[in-house]
Protein backbone atom coordinates (compact mmCIF):
# COMPACT_ATOMS: atom_id res chain seq x y z
CA UNK A 1 59.44 137.55 108.66
CA UNK A 2 57.93 139.10 112.16
CA UNK A 3 60.80 141.07 113.90
CA UNK A 4 59.65 141.58 118.01
CA UNK A 5 61.31 144.49 118.41
CA UNK A 6 59.44 146.88 115.93
CA UNK A 7 62.26 148.30 113.39
CA UNK A 8 63.25 151.81 113.47
CA UNK A 9 61.46 153.05 117.39
CA UNK A 10 63.21 153.72 120.45
CA UNK A 11 63.28 151.01 123.25
CA UNK A 12 62.73 151.16 126.63
CA UNK A 13 62.82 147.82 128.05
CA UNK A 14 59.97 147.35 131.00
CA UNK A 15 61.73 144.86 133.95
CA UNK A 16 57.73 143.44 134.37
CA UNK A 17 54.96 142.21 131.98
CA UNK A 18 51.96 139.94 132.50
CA UNK A 19 52.98 136.62 131.66
CA UNK A 20 52.59 134.37 128.69
CA UNK A 21 50.70 134.38 125.83
CA UNK A 22 47.88 131.94 126.18
CA UNK A 23 47.60 131.35 122.34
CA UNK A 24 44.18 132.35 120.01
CA UNK A 25 44.06 135.32 117.43
CA UNK A 26 46.56 138.22 117.29
CA UNK A 27 44.86 141.51 117.85
CA UNK A 28 45.71 144.56 118.63
CA UNK A 29 44.48 147.33 121.23
CA UNK A 30 44.38 151.55 120.77
CA UNK A 31 44.83 152.91 123.94
CA UNK A 32 44.64 156.93 124.49
CA UNK A 33 47.47 158.00 126.65
CA UNK A 34 45.66 162.11 127.53
CA UNK A 35 47.84 164.64 126.74
CA UNK A 36 49.14 166.78 124.88
CA UNK A 37 51.25 165.39 121.96
CA UNK A 38 52.59 168.58 121.67
CA UNK A 39 54.10 169.30 124.71
CA UNK A 40 54.86 165.51 126.07
CA UNK A 41 57.34 162.95 124.74
CA UNK A 42 56.91 158.80 124.36
CA UNK A 43 59.41 158.55 126.19
CA UNK A 44 58.73 160.60 129.17
CA UNK A 45 54.60 157.88 128.96
CA UNK A 46 56.97 154.94 127.76
CA UNK A 47 58.58 155.88 131.67
CA UNK A 48 55.94 156.39 133.63
CA UNK A 49 54.07 153.32 132.61
CA UNK A 50 56.92 151.80 133.28
CA UNK A 51 56.66 153.28 137.69
CA UNK A 52 53.03 151.99 137.29
CA UNK A 53 53.70 148.78 136.24
CA UNK A 54 51.60 149.06 133.90
CA UNK A 55 53.38 148.55 129.87
CA UNK A 56 52.82 148.60 127.10
CA UNK A 57 53.88 147.33 123.82
CA UNK A 58 54.13 150.19 122.11
CA UNK A 59 53.85 154.20 123.17
CA UNK A 60 52.46 156.03 120.52
CA UNK A 61 53.12 160.22 119.59
CA UNK A 62 51.53 160.82 116.33
CA UNK A 63 52.20 163.95 115.78
CA UNK A 64 55.71 163.79 115.99
CA UNK A 65 55.91 160.35 115.05
CA UNK A 66 57.98 158.96 118.43
CA UNK A 67 57.58 155.19 118.87
CA UNK A 68 59.32 153.87 121.77
CA UNK A 69 58.47 150.08 122.75
CA UNK A 70 58.46 149.02 126.35
CA UNK A 71 57.69 144.74 125.45
CA UNK A 72 57.58 141.84 122.57
CA UNK A 73 54.75 140.56 121.36
CA UNK A 74 54.71 137.57 122.64
CA UNK A 75 54.75 138.70 126.23
CA UNK A 76 51.14 140.96 127.38
CA UNK A 77 51.15 144.03 128.21
CA UNK A 78 49.55 145.66 131.94
CA UNK A 79 46.48 147.85 130.68
CA UNK A 80 44.45 145.17 130.29
CA UNK A 81 41.51 143.15 133.19
CA UNK A 82 43.16 140.43 134.76
CA UNK A 83 44.32 137.73 131.64
CA UNK A 84 43.00 139.24 129.02
CA UNK A 85 45.79 140.86 127.46
CA UNK A 86 47.35 137.65 127.44
CA UNK A 87 44.58 136.81 124.87
CA UNK A 88 45.16 135.56 121.23
CA UNK A 89 49.09 134.46 120.39
CA UNK A 90 49.42 138.50 120.68
CA UNK A 91 47.46 141.60 121.86
CA UNK A 92 49.60 144.57 120.84
CA UNK A 93 48.52 147.04 123.13
CA UNK A 94 48.87 150.49 121.94
CA UNK A 95 49.02 153.94 123.92
CA UNK A 96 48.72 156.58 121.54
CA UNK A 97 49.24 160.12 123.10
CA UNK A 98 46.11 162.27 122.88
CA UNK A 99 42.81 163.06 124.25
CA UNK A 100 39.62 160.56 123.85
CA UNK A 101 37.61 163.43 123.33
CA UNK A 102 39.31 164.93 120.11
CA UNK A 103 40.49 161.47 118.28
CA UNK A 104 43.93 161.06 117.81
CA UNK A 105 43.57 160.13 113.44
CA UNK A 106 42.55 163.45 113.23
CA UNK A 107 46.05 164.33 113.03
CA UNK A 108 49.28 163.13 110.58
CA UNK A 109 49.69 159.88 111.75
CA UNK A 110 53.44 160.13 111.92
CA UNK A 111 54.94 156.93 112.27
CA UNK A 112 51.75 154.73 111.52
CA UNK A 113 52.53 153.10 108.64
CA UNK A 114 55.50 151.27 110.29
CA UNK A 115 53.24 150.51 112.78
CA UNK A 116 51.04 148.55 110.22
CA UNK A 117 53.57 146.46 108.88
CA UNK A 118 54.83 145.75 111.98
CA UNK A 119 51.62 144.18 112.24
CA UNK A 120 50.82 142.85 109.67
CA UNK A 121 53.71 141.25 109.94
CA UNK A 122 53.22 139.13 112.90
CA UNK A 123 49.46 138.79 111.14
CA UNK A 124 47.25 141.37 113.70
CA UNK A 125 44.06 141.02 110.52
CA UNK A 126 43.14 144.45 109.15
CA UNK A 127 39.97 144.12 111.07
CA UNK A 128 37.70 146.13 113.04
CA UNK A 129 35.84 143.41 114.56
CA UNK A 130 33.47 145.64 117.19
CA UNK A 131 33.42 148.55 114.16
CA UNK A 132 33.91 152.39 115.02
CA UNK A 133 34.54 153.45 119.07
CA UNK A 134 32.17 155.52 120.35
CA UNK A 135 32.93 157.90 120.13
CA UNK A 136 33.58 159.53 124.62
CA UNK A 137 31.91 159.88 126.68
CA UNK A 138 29.70 157.39 124.98
CA UNK A 139 32.08 154.89 124.61
CA UNK A 140 32.30 153.90 128.68
CA UNK A 141 29.23 152.30 128.42
CA UNK A 142 30.02 150.55 124.91
CA UNK A 143 29.44 147.13 123.96
CA UNK A 144 32.30 144.77 124.74
CA UNK A 145 31.83 141.80 122.49
CA UNK A 146 33.90 138.00 123.43
CA UNK A 147 32.60 136.42 120.74
CA UNK A 148 33.83 139.61 118.30
CA UNK A 149 36.75 140.03 120.61
CA UNK A 150 37.66 136.21 119.52
CA UNK A 151 38.38 137.10 116.09
CA UNK A 152 41.01 139.17 116.81
CA UNK A 153 42.17 141.76 115.24
CA UNK A 154 42.21 145.92 115.77
CA UNK A 155 40.19 147.61 119.10
CA UNK A 156 39.19 149.92 120.72
CA UNK A 157 39.91 150.52 124.25
CA UNK A 158 36.62 150.47 125.21
CA UNK A 159 35.39 147.98 123.08
CA UNK A 160 37.23 144.86 125.65
CA UNK A 161 34.92 142.41 126.93
CA UNK A 162 35.75 143.48 131.34
CA UNK A 163 37.05 146.81 130.88
CA UNK A 164 35.09 150.53 131.76
CA UNK A 165 37.79 152.89 129.99
CA UNK A 166 35.80 155.46 126.94
CA UNK A 167 39.55 155.87 125.37
CA UNK A 168 40.48 156.43 122.46
CA UNK A 169 36.69 157.55 121.91
CA UNK A 170 35.71 158.15 118.28
CA UNK A 171 38.80 157.49 115.80
CA UNK A 172 38.28 156.72 112.02
CA UNK A 173 38.77 152.99 111.62
CA UNK A 174 39.44 154.08 108.47
CA UNK A 175 42.62 156.01 108.42
CA UNK A 176 43.54 153.02 110.42
CA UNK A 177 43.16 149.55 108.30
CA UNK A 178 42.15 151.90 104.95
CA UNK A 179 39.46 151.89 102.78
CA UNK A 180 39.79 148.31 101.33
CA UNK A 181 39.48 146.55 104.49
CA UNK A 182 36.58 148.73 106.16
CA UNK A 183 34.80 147.38 102.83
CA UNK A 184 35.86 144.55 103.60
CA UNK A 185 34.17 144.32 106.87
CA UNK A 186 31.23 145.89 106.94
CA UNK A 187 28.88 144.19 105.10
CA UNK A 188 26.20 146.55 102.33
CA UNK A 189 22.76 146.51 103.66
CA UNK A 190 20.72 143.54 103.18
CA UNK A 191 23.89 142.45 101.93
CA UNK A 192 24.59 139.42 105.23
CA UNK A 193 21.03 138.40 104.23
CA UNK A 194 21.61 136.99 100.58
CA UNK A 195 23.98 135.16 102.26
CA UNK A 196 22.03 133.14 104.27
CA UNK A 197 19.17 132.90 101.41
CA UNK A 198 21.79 132.21 99.32
CA UNK A 199 23.30 129.29 101.86
């Protein structure tokens, strides 16, 4: 059963959020909070997000494994424009401390398994509909497809319709959703054509 608060994470409840969810496929959006994970704590970033009135659901330091939760998934985070963050049964926004120029998936990812297990319990599909995020700064002009967004799953901030940001950069999505899920999601060349011919 899904729990509103990630087991084992520190809690720093935000006094405000962006409203109730609008329904639809569940999804997760990965952001970058530009800072050195060796010297900046997840709690300090969470405090700053609350001050800015832009709370995410989680702030994660992948080097130290520190995770701080600000909101339950049933409330919208403040990192996306307009009502985009209210799309889906849930739209979990995760701020990862790091750099868009240096993929956080190149670090040890301490705490990722706990985050993914929690997202699984909320039935966020282990798929990345828009494919791997582009490297920064090319990601600033990435396609932001509403059709792919509607499918739910995992997205980089740069892949969300209506955004202009370039994070999280060229992260290795296989390290997040797993090689097996990635192989199921991305068909081999020609496979789609064969499937169409069989219909």
